[in-house]
PDB file of N, CA and C in Angstrom:
ATOM      1  N   MET A   1     -10.045 205.685  51.368  1.00  0.00           N
ATOM      2  CA  MET A   1     -10.746 206.956  51.223  1.00  0.00           C
ATOM      3  C   MET A   1     -12.236 206.778  51.438  1.00  0.00           C
ATOM      4  N   THR A   2     -12.772 205.638  51.026  1.00  0.00           N
ATOM      5  CA  THR A   2     -14.213 205.445  51.182  1.00  0.00           C
ATOM      6  C   THR A   2     -14.594 205.257  52.643  1.00  0.00           C
ATOM      7  N   THR A   3     -13.671 204.749  53.483  1.00  0.00           N
ATOM      8  CA  THR A   3     -13.991 204.591  54.907  1.00  0.00           C
ATOM      9  C   THR A   3     -14.093 205.933  55.616  1.00  0.00           C
ATOM     10  N   LEU A   4     -13.429 206.947  55.087  1.00  0.00           N
ATOM     11  CA  LEU A   4     -13.533 208.277  55.698  1.00  0.00           C
ATOM     12  C   LEU A   4     -14.888 208.915  55.440  1.00  0.00           C
ATOM     13  N   LEU A   5     -15.572 208.471  54.398  1.00  0.00           N
ATOM     14  CA  LEU A   5     -16.846 209.075  54.036  1.00  0.00           C
ATOM     15  C   LEU A   5     -18.045 208.309  54.574  1.00  0.00           C
ATOM     16  N   LYS A   6     -17.817 207.165  55.233  1.00  0.00           N
ATOM     17  CA  LYS A   6     -18.915 206.345  55.739  1.00  0.00           C
ATOM     18  C   LYS A   6     -19.022 206.453  57.257  1.00  0.00           C
ATOM     19  N   ASN A   7     -20.169 206.043  57.778  1.00  0.00           N
ATOM     20  CA  ASN A   7     -20.427 205.923  59.214  1.00  0.00           C
ATOM     21  C   ASN A   7     -20.269 207.242  59.972  1.00  0.00           C
ATOM     22  N   TRP A   8     -20.823 208.301  59.476  1.00  0.00           N
ATOM     23  CA  TRP A   8     -20.796 209.561  60.192  1.00  0.00           C
ATOM     24  C   TRP A   8     -21.975 209.578  61.169  1.00  0.00           C
ATOM     25  N   ASP A   9     -21.665 209.566  62.449  1.00  0.00           N
ATOM     26  CA  ASP A   9     -22.691 209.586  63.478  1.00  0.00           C
ATOM     27  C   ASP A   9     -22.471 210.791  64.390  1.00  0.00           C
ATOM     28  N   PHE A  10     -23.261 210.873  65.447  1.00  0.00           N
ATOM     29  CA  PHE A  10     -23.220 212.031  66.336  1.00  0.00           C
ATOM     30  C   PHE A  10     -21.853 212.200  66.988  1.00  0.00           C
ATOM     31  N   MET A  11     -21.264 211.113  67.478  1.00  0.00           N
ATOM     32  CA  MET A  11     -19.978 211.213  68.170  1.00  0.00           C
ATOM     33  C   MET A  11     -18.865 211.670  67.233  1.00  0.00           C
ATOM     34  N   ARG A  12     -18.940 211.249  65.999  1.00  0.00           N
ATOM     35  CA  ARG A  12     -17.914 211.662  65.044  1.00  0.00           C
ATOM     36  C   ARG A  12     -18.030 213.159  64.739  1.00  0.00           C
ATOM     37  N   PHE A  13     -19.266 213.633  64.562  1.00  0.00           N
ATOM     38  CA  PHE A  13     -19.466 215.072  64.356  1.00  0.00           C
ATOM     39  C   PHE A  13     -19.075 215.868  65.597  1.00  0.00           C
ATOM     40  N   LEU A  14     -19.343 215.318  66.778  1.00  0.00           N
ATOM     41  CA  LEU A  14     -18.982 216.001  68.024  1.00  0.00           C
ATOM     42  C   LEU A  14     -17.472 216.129  68.148  1.00  0.00           C
ATOM     43  N   ARG A  15     -16.726 215.057  67.881  1.00  0.00           N
ATOM     44  CA  ARG A  15     -15.264 215.123  67.939  1.00  0.00           C
ATOM     45  C   ARG A  15     -14.712 216.124  66.929  1.00  0.00           C
ATOM     46  N   LEU A  16     -15.289 216.118  65.732  1.00  0.00           N
ATOM     47  CA  LEU A  16     -14.841 217.051  64.706  1.00  0.00           C
ATOM     48  C   LEU A  16     -15.136 218.492  65.115  1.00  0.00           C
ATOM     49  N   GLY A  17     -16.312 218.731  65.679  1.00  0.00           N
ATOM     50  CA  GLY A  17     -16.662 220.075  66.128  1.00  0.00           C
ATOM     51  C   GLY A  17     -15.776 220.559  67.263  1.00  0.00           C
ATOM     52  N   ILE A  18     -15.498 219.690  68.229  1.00  0.00           N
ATOM     53  CA  ILE A  18     -14.610 220.062  69.334  1.00  0.00           C
ATOM     54  C   ILE A  18     -13.208 220.338  68.796  1.00  0.00           C
ATOM     55  N   GLY A  19     -12.756 219.515  67.853  1.00  0.00           N
ATOM     56  CA  GLY A  19     -11.434 219.732  67.268  1.00  0.00           C
ATOM     57  C   GLY A  19     -11.336 221.058  66.529  1.00  0.00           C
ATOM     58  N   LEU A  20     -12.366 221.408  65.772  1.00  0.00           N
ATOM     59  CA  LEU A  20     -12.360 222.687  65.060  1.00  0.00           C
ATOM     60  C   LEU A  20     -12.405 223.862  66.023  1.00  0.00           C
ATOM     61  N   TRP A  21     -13.199 223.733  67.077  1.00  0.00           N
ATOM     62  CA  TRP A  21     -13.289 224.804  68.076  1.00  0.00           C
ATOM     63  C   TRP A  21     -11.953 224.973  68.800  1.00  0.00           C
ATOM     64  N   LEU A  22     -11.313 223.852  69.171  1.00  0.00           N
ATOM     65  CA  LEU A  22     -10.013 223.933  69.835  1.00  0.00           C
ATOM     66  C   LEU A  22      -8.942 224.476  68.897  1.00  0.00           C
ATOM     67  N   ALA A  23      -9.006 224.130  67.610  1.00  0.00           N
ATOM     68  CA  ALA A  23      -8.035 224.655  66.649  1.00  0.00           C
ATOM     69  C   ALA A  23      -8.180 226.165  66.509  1.00  0.00           C
ATOM     70  N   TYR A  24      -9.409 226.643  66.430  1.00  0.00           N
ATOM     71  CA  TYR A  24      -9.638 228.090  66.356  1.00  0.00           C
ATOM     72  C   TYR A  24      -9.108 228.790  67.607  1.00  0.00           C
ATOM     73  N   THR A  25      -9.379 228.199  68.774  1.00  0.00           N
ATOM     74  CA  THR A  25      -8.908 228.777  70.030  1.00  0.00           C
ATOM     75  C   THR A  25      -7.381 228.772  70.093  1.00  0.00           C
ATOM     76  N   ALA A  26      -6.759 227.693  69.649  1.00  0.00           N
ATOM     77  CA  ALA A  26      -5.295 227.601  69.678  1.00  0.00           C
ATOM     78  C   ALA A  26      -4.654 228.638  68.762  1.00  0.00           C
ATOM     79  N   ILE A  27      -5.264 228.876  67.613  1.00  0.00           N
ATOM     80  CA  ILE A  27      -4.692 229.851  66.676  1.00  0.00           C
ATOM     81  C   ILE A  27      -4.854 231.268  67.212  1.00  0.00           C
ATOM     82  N   THR A  28      -6.044 231.585  67.737  1.00  0.00           N
ATOM     83  CA  THR A  28      -6.273 232.952  68.206  1.00  0.00           C
ATOM     84  C   THR A  28      -5.523 233.253  69.498  1.00  0.00           C
ATOM     85  N   GLU A  29      -5.316 232.239  70.346  1.00  0.00           N
ATOM     86  CA  GLU A  29      -4.639 232.451  71.630  1.00  0.00           C
ATOM     87  C   GLU A  29      -3.153 232.097  71.595  1.00  0.00           C
ATOM     88  N   HIS A  30      -2.671 231.571  70.468  1.00  0.00           N
ATOM     89  CA  HIS A  30      -1.274 231.173  70.304  1.00  0.00           C
ATOM     90  C   HIS A  30      -0.863 230.163  71.380  1.00  0.00           C
ATOM     91  N   GLN A  31      -1.662 229.099  71.532  1.00  0.00           N
ATOM     92  CA  GLN A  31      -1.404 228.073  72.539  1.00  0.00           C
ATOM     93  C   GLN A  31      -1.054 226.750  71.863  1.00  0.00           C
ATOM     94  N   LEU A  32       0.142 226.237  72.137  1.00  0.00           N
ATOM     95  CA  LEU A  32       0.603 225.005  71.511  1.00  0.00           C
ATOM     96  C   LEU A  32      -0.118 223.779  72.078  1.00  0.00           C
ATOM     97  N   ILE A  33      -0.333 223.749  73.384  1.00  0.00           N
ATOM     98  CA  ILE A  33      -0.979 222.588  74.012  1.00  0.00           C
ATOM     99  C   ILE A  33      -2.413 222.431  73.513  1.00  0.00           C
ATOM    100  N   ILE A  34      -3.134 223.519  73.413  1.00  0.00           N
ATOM    101  CA  ILE A  34      -4.504 223.459  72.899  1.00  0.00           C
ATOM    102  C   ILE A  34      -4.489 223.034  71.429  1.00  0.00           C
ATOM    103  N   GLY A  35      -3.461 223.437  70.693  1.00  0.00           N
ATOM    104  CA  GLY A  35      -3.321 223.008  69.309  1.00  0.00           C
ATOM    105  C   GLY A  35      -3.103 221.511  69.189  1.00  0.00           C
ATOM    106  N   MET A  36      -2.329 220.938  70.107  1.00  0.00           N
ATOM    107  CA  MET A  36      -2.133 219.489  70.091  1.00  0.00           C
ATOM    108  C   MET A  36      -3.420 218.754  70.454  1.00  0.00           C
ATOM    109  N   MET A  37      -4.170 219.294  71.401  1.00  0.00           N
ATOM    110  CA  MET A  37      -5.468 218.696  71.735  1.00  0.00           C
ATOM    111  C   MET A  37      -6.413 218.775  70.548  1.00  0.00           C
ATOM    112  N   ALA A  38      -6.375 219.900  69.831  1.00  0.00           N
ATOM    113  CA  ALA A  38      -7.204 220.053  68.633  1.00  0.00           C
ATOM    114  C   ALA A  38      -6.829 219.024  67.585  1.00  0.00           C
ATOM    115  N   GLY A  39      -5.530 218.790  67.411  1.00  0.00           N
ATOM    116  CA  GLY A  39      -5.080 217.790  66.459  1.00  0.00           C
ATOM    117  C   GLY A  39      -5.566 216.394  66.826  1.00  0.00           C
ATOM    118  N   LEU A  40      -5.568 216.082  68.121  1.00  0.00           N
ATOM    119  CA  LEU A  40      -6.062 214.788  68.579  1.00  0.00           C
ATOM    120  C   LEU A  40      -7.546 214.626  68.273  1.00  0.00           C
ATOM    121  N   PHE A  41      -8.337 215.637  68.602  1.00  0.00           N
ATOM    122  CA  PHE A  41      -9.779 215.557  68.341  1.00  0.00           C
ATOM    123  C   PHE A  41     -10.088 215.539  66.844  1.00  0.00           C
ATOM    124  N   LEU A  42      -9.345 216.308  66.063  1.00  0.00           N
ATOM    125  CA  LEU A  42      -9.554 216.290  64.613  1.00  0.00           C
ATOM    126  C   LEU A  42      -9.192 214.937  64.019  1.00  0.00           C
ATOM    127  N   LEU A  43      -8.117 214.330  64.505  1.00  0.00           N
ATOM    128  CA  LEU A  43      -7.732 213.011  64.030  1.00  0.00           C
ATOM    129  C   LEU A  43      -8.801 211.978  64.380  1.00  0.00           C
ATOM    130  N   GLN A  44      -9.321 212.044  65.604  1.00  0.00           N
ATOM    131  CA  GLN A  44     -10.373 211.119  66.003  1.00  0.00           C
ATOM    132  C   GLN A  44     -11.632 211.322  65.176  1.00  0.00           C
ATOM    133  N   GLY A  45     -11.976 212.555  64.889  1.00  0.00           N
ATOM    134  CA  GLY A  45     -13.173 212.827  64.113  1.00  0.00           C
ATOM    135  C   GLY A  45     -13.055 212.416  62.663  1.00  0.00           C
ATOM    136  N   ILE A  46     -11.906 212.664  62.064  1.00  0.00           N
ATOM    137  CA  ILE A  46     -11.729 212.350  60.649  1.00  0.00           C
ATOM    138  C   ILE A  46     -11.559 210.851  60.423  1.00  0.00           C
ATOM    139  N   MET A  47     -10.744 210.199  61.271  1.00  0.00           N
ATOM    140  CA  MET A  47     -10.448 208.782  61.079  1.00  0.00           C
ATOM    141  C   MET A  47     -11.444 207.858  61.779  1.00  0.00           C
ATOM    142  N   ASN A  48     -12.354 208.400  62.574  1.00  0.00           N
ATOM    143  CA  ASN A  48     -13.358 207.634  63.318  1.00  0.00           C
ATOM    144  C   ASN A  48     -12.697 206.627  64.256  1.00  0.00           C
ATOM    145  N   ILE A  49     -11.752 207.113  65.037  1.00  0.00           N
ATOM    146  CA  ILE A  49     -11.119 206.306  66.063  1.00  0.00           C
ATOM    147  C   ILE A  49     -11.348 206.985  67.397  1.00  0.00           C
ATOM    148  N   GLY A  50     -11.322 206.212  68.478  1.00  0.00           N
ATOM    149  CA  GLY A  50     -11.520 206.870  69.755  1.00  0.00           C
ATOM    150  C   GLY A  50     -11.500 205.940  70.936  1.00  0.00           C
ATOM    151  N   CYS A  51     -12.311 204.927  70.943  1.00  0.00           N
ATOM    152  CA  CYS A  51     -12.425 204.062  72.111  1.00  0.00           C
ATOM    153  C   CYS A  51     -11.986 202.648  71.796  1.00  0.00           C
ATOM    154  N   GLY A  52     -10.963 202.486  71.024  1.00  0.00           N
ATOM    155  CA  GLY A  52     -10.493 201.147  70.675  1.00  0.00           C
ATOM    156  C   GLY A  52     -10.636 200.881  69.191  1.00  0.00           C
ATOM    157  N   SER A  53     -10.376 199.651  68.821  1.00  0.00           N
ATOM    158  CA  SER A  53     -10.384 199.313  67.400  1.00  0.00           C
ATOM    159  C   SER A  53     -11.784 199.287  66.803  1.00  0.00           C
ATOM    160  N   LYS A  54     -12.809 199.038  67.625  1.00  0.00           N
ATOM    161  CA  LYS A  54     -14.181 198.984  67.122  1.00  0.00           C
ATOM    162  C   LYS A  54     -14.957 200.265  67.400  1.00  0.00           C
ATOM    163  N   GLY A  55     -14.292 201.297  67.862  1.00  0.00           N
ATOM    164  CA  GLY A  55     -14.983 202.531  68.187  1.00  0.00           C
ATOM    165  C   GLY A  55     -15.656 202.424  69.545  1.00  0.00           C
ATOM    166  N   CYS A  56     -16.620 203.239  69.780  1.00  0.00           N
ATOM    167  CA  CYS A  56     -17.298 203.268  71.080  1.00  0.00           C
ATOM    168  C   CYS A  56     -18.578 202.451  71.085  1.00  0.00           C
ATOM    169  N   ASN A  57     -18.742 201.562  70.160  1.00  0.00           N
ATOM    170  CA  ASN A  57     -19.956 200.761  70.100  1.00  0.00           C
ATOM    171  C   ASN A  57     -19.941 199.662  71.148  1.00  0.00           C
ATOM    172  N   VAL A  58     -21.087 199.393  71.725  1.00  0.00           N
ATOM    173  CA  VAL A  58     -21.254 198.303  72.676  1.00  0.00           C
ATOM    174  C   VAL A  58     -21.714 197.079  71.899  1.00  0.00           C
ATOM    175  N   PRO A  59     -21.145 195.906  72.168  1.00  0.00           N
ATOM    176  CA  PRO A  59     -21.590 194.719  71.423  1.00  0.00           C
ATOM    177  C   PRO A  59     -23.061 194.429  71.667  1.00  0.00           C
ATOM    178  N   TYR A  60     -23.746 194.027  70.610  1.00  0.00           N
ATOM    179  CA  TYR A  60     -25.185 193.822  70.693  1.00  0.00           C
ATOM    180  C   TYR A  60     -25.528 192.560  71.468  1.00  0.00           C
ATOM    181  N   ASN A  61     -24.851 191.456  71.190  1.00  0.00           N
ATOM    182  CA  ASN A  61     -25.127 190.188  71.857  1.00  0.00           C
ATOM    183  C   ASN A  61     -24.148 190.002  73.007  1.00  0.00           C
ATOM    184  N   ARG A  62     -24.546 190.421  74.190  1.00  0.00           N
ATOM    185  CA  ARG A  62     -23.661 190.293  75.337  1.00  0.00           C
ATOM    186  C   ARG A  62     -23.825 188.969  76.056  1.00  0.00           C
ATOM    187  N   CYS A  63     -24.975 188.337  75.934  1.00  0.00           N
ATOM    188  CA  CYS A  63     -25.185 187.061  76.600  1.00  0.00           C
ATOM    189  C   CYS A  63     -25.889 186.107  75.649  1.00  0.00           C
ATOM    190  N   ASN A  64     -25.727 184.856  75.918  1.00  0.00           N
ATOM    191  CA  ASN A  64     -26.351 183.838  75.093  1.00  0.00           C
ATOM    192  C   ASN A  64     -27.749 183.558  75.648  1.00  0.00           C
ATOM    193  N   ARG A  65     -28.766 183.826  74.893  1.00  0.00           N
ATOM    194  CA  ARG A  65     -30.138 183.662  75.369  1.00  0.00           C
ATOM    195  C   ARG A  65     -30.626 182.219  75.249  1.00  0.00           C
ATOM    196  N   ASN A  66     -29.827 181.342  74.670  1.00  0.00           N
ATOM    197  CA  ASN A  66     -30.225 179.953  74.524  1.00  0.00           C
ATOM    198  C   ASN A  66     -29.848 179.102  75.732  1.00  0.00           C
ATOM    199  N   GLN A  67     -29.196 179.698  76.710  1.00  0.00           N
ATOM    200  CA  GLN A  67     -28.822 178.943  77.892  1.00  0.00           C
ATOM    201  C   GLN A  67     -30.047 178.651  78.742  1.00  0.00           C
ATOM    202  N   LYS A  68     -30.075 177.453  79.321  1.00  0.00           N
ATOM    203  CA  LYS A  68     -31.179 177.082  80.192  1.00  0.00           C
ATOM    204  C   LYS A  68     -30.947 177.646  81.584  1.00  0.00           C
ATOM    205  N   VAL A  69     -32.014 178.108  82.199  1.00  0.00           N
ATOM    206  CA  VAL A  69     -31.940 178.636  83.545  1.00  0.00           C
ATOM    207  C   VAL A  69     -32.159 177.478  84.507  1.00  0.00           C
ATOM    208  N   GLU A  70     -31.204 177.295  85.395  1.00  0.00           N
ATOM    209  CA  GLU A  70     -31.319 176.208  86.354  1.00  0.00           C
ATOM    210  C   GLU A  70     -32.097 176.679  87.566  1.00  0.00           C
ATOM    211  N   ASP A  71     -32.918 175.779  88.125  1.00  0.00           N
ATOM    212  CA  ASP A  71     -33.654 176.112  89.340  1.00  0.00           C
ATOM    213  C   ASP A  71     -32.700 176.076  90.523  1.00  0.00           C
ATOM    214  N   ILE A  72     -32.842 177.064  91.358  1.00  0.00           N
ATOM    215  CA  ILE A  72     -32.005 177.143  92.544  1.00  0.00           C
ATOM    216  C   ILE A  72     -32.812 176.663  93.733  1.00  0.00           C
ATOM    217  N   SER A  73     -32.272 175.713  94.446  1.00  0.00           N
ATOM    218  CA  SER A  73     -32.968 175.222  95.648  1.00  0.00           C
ATOM    219  C   SER A  73     -32.305 175.838  96.870  1.00  0.00           C
ATOM    220  N   LEU A  74     -33.126 176.420  97.710  1.00  0.00           N
ATOM    221  CA  LEU A  74     -32.651 177.077  98.916  1.00  0.00           C
ATOM    222  C   LEU A  74     -33.026 176.255 100.122  1.00  0.00           C
ATOM    223  N   GLU A  75     -32.159 176.258 101.112  1.00  0.00           N
ATOM    224  CA  GLU A  75     -32.392 175.510 102.329  1.00  0.00           C
ATOM    225  C   GLU A  75     -32.355 176.487 103.500  1.00  0.00           C
ATOM    226  N   GLU A  76     -33.354 176.420 104.324  1.00  0.00           N
ATOM    227  CA  GLU A  76     -33.439 177.326 105.461  1.00  0.00           C
ATOM    228  C   GLU A  76     -32.518 176.832 106.571  1.00  0.00           C
ATOM    229  N   VAL A  77     -31.708 177.740 107.085  1.00  0.00           N
ATOM    230  CA  VAL A  77     -30.767 177.405 108.156  1.00  0.00           C
ATOM    231  C   VAL A  77     -31.233 178.118 109.417  1.00  0.00           C
ATOM    232  N   LYS A  78     -31.365 177.318 110.534  1.00  0.00           N
ATOM    233  CA  LYS A  78     -31.781 177.920 111.804  1.00  0.00           C
ATOM    234  C   LYS A  78     -30.664 177.956 112.789  1.00  0.00           C
TER     235      LYS A  78
END
């Protein structure tokens, strides 16, 4: 229960808002497919799932900065 109340960011609010808007549209228009889409967006917004197990975050350390840069020697070809 405590994980549902933490880490509320822009994308989570956006998914929740889209889900609520789609749910309202599905109820007023009597559309089952839109209702299923609303359920998907509401589930993503409430449970904070969407782009994999870690969410949509990009890893901070993508490369190792301690690696030495090797000098490249070029040879002119005629």
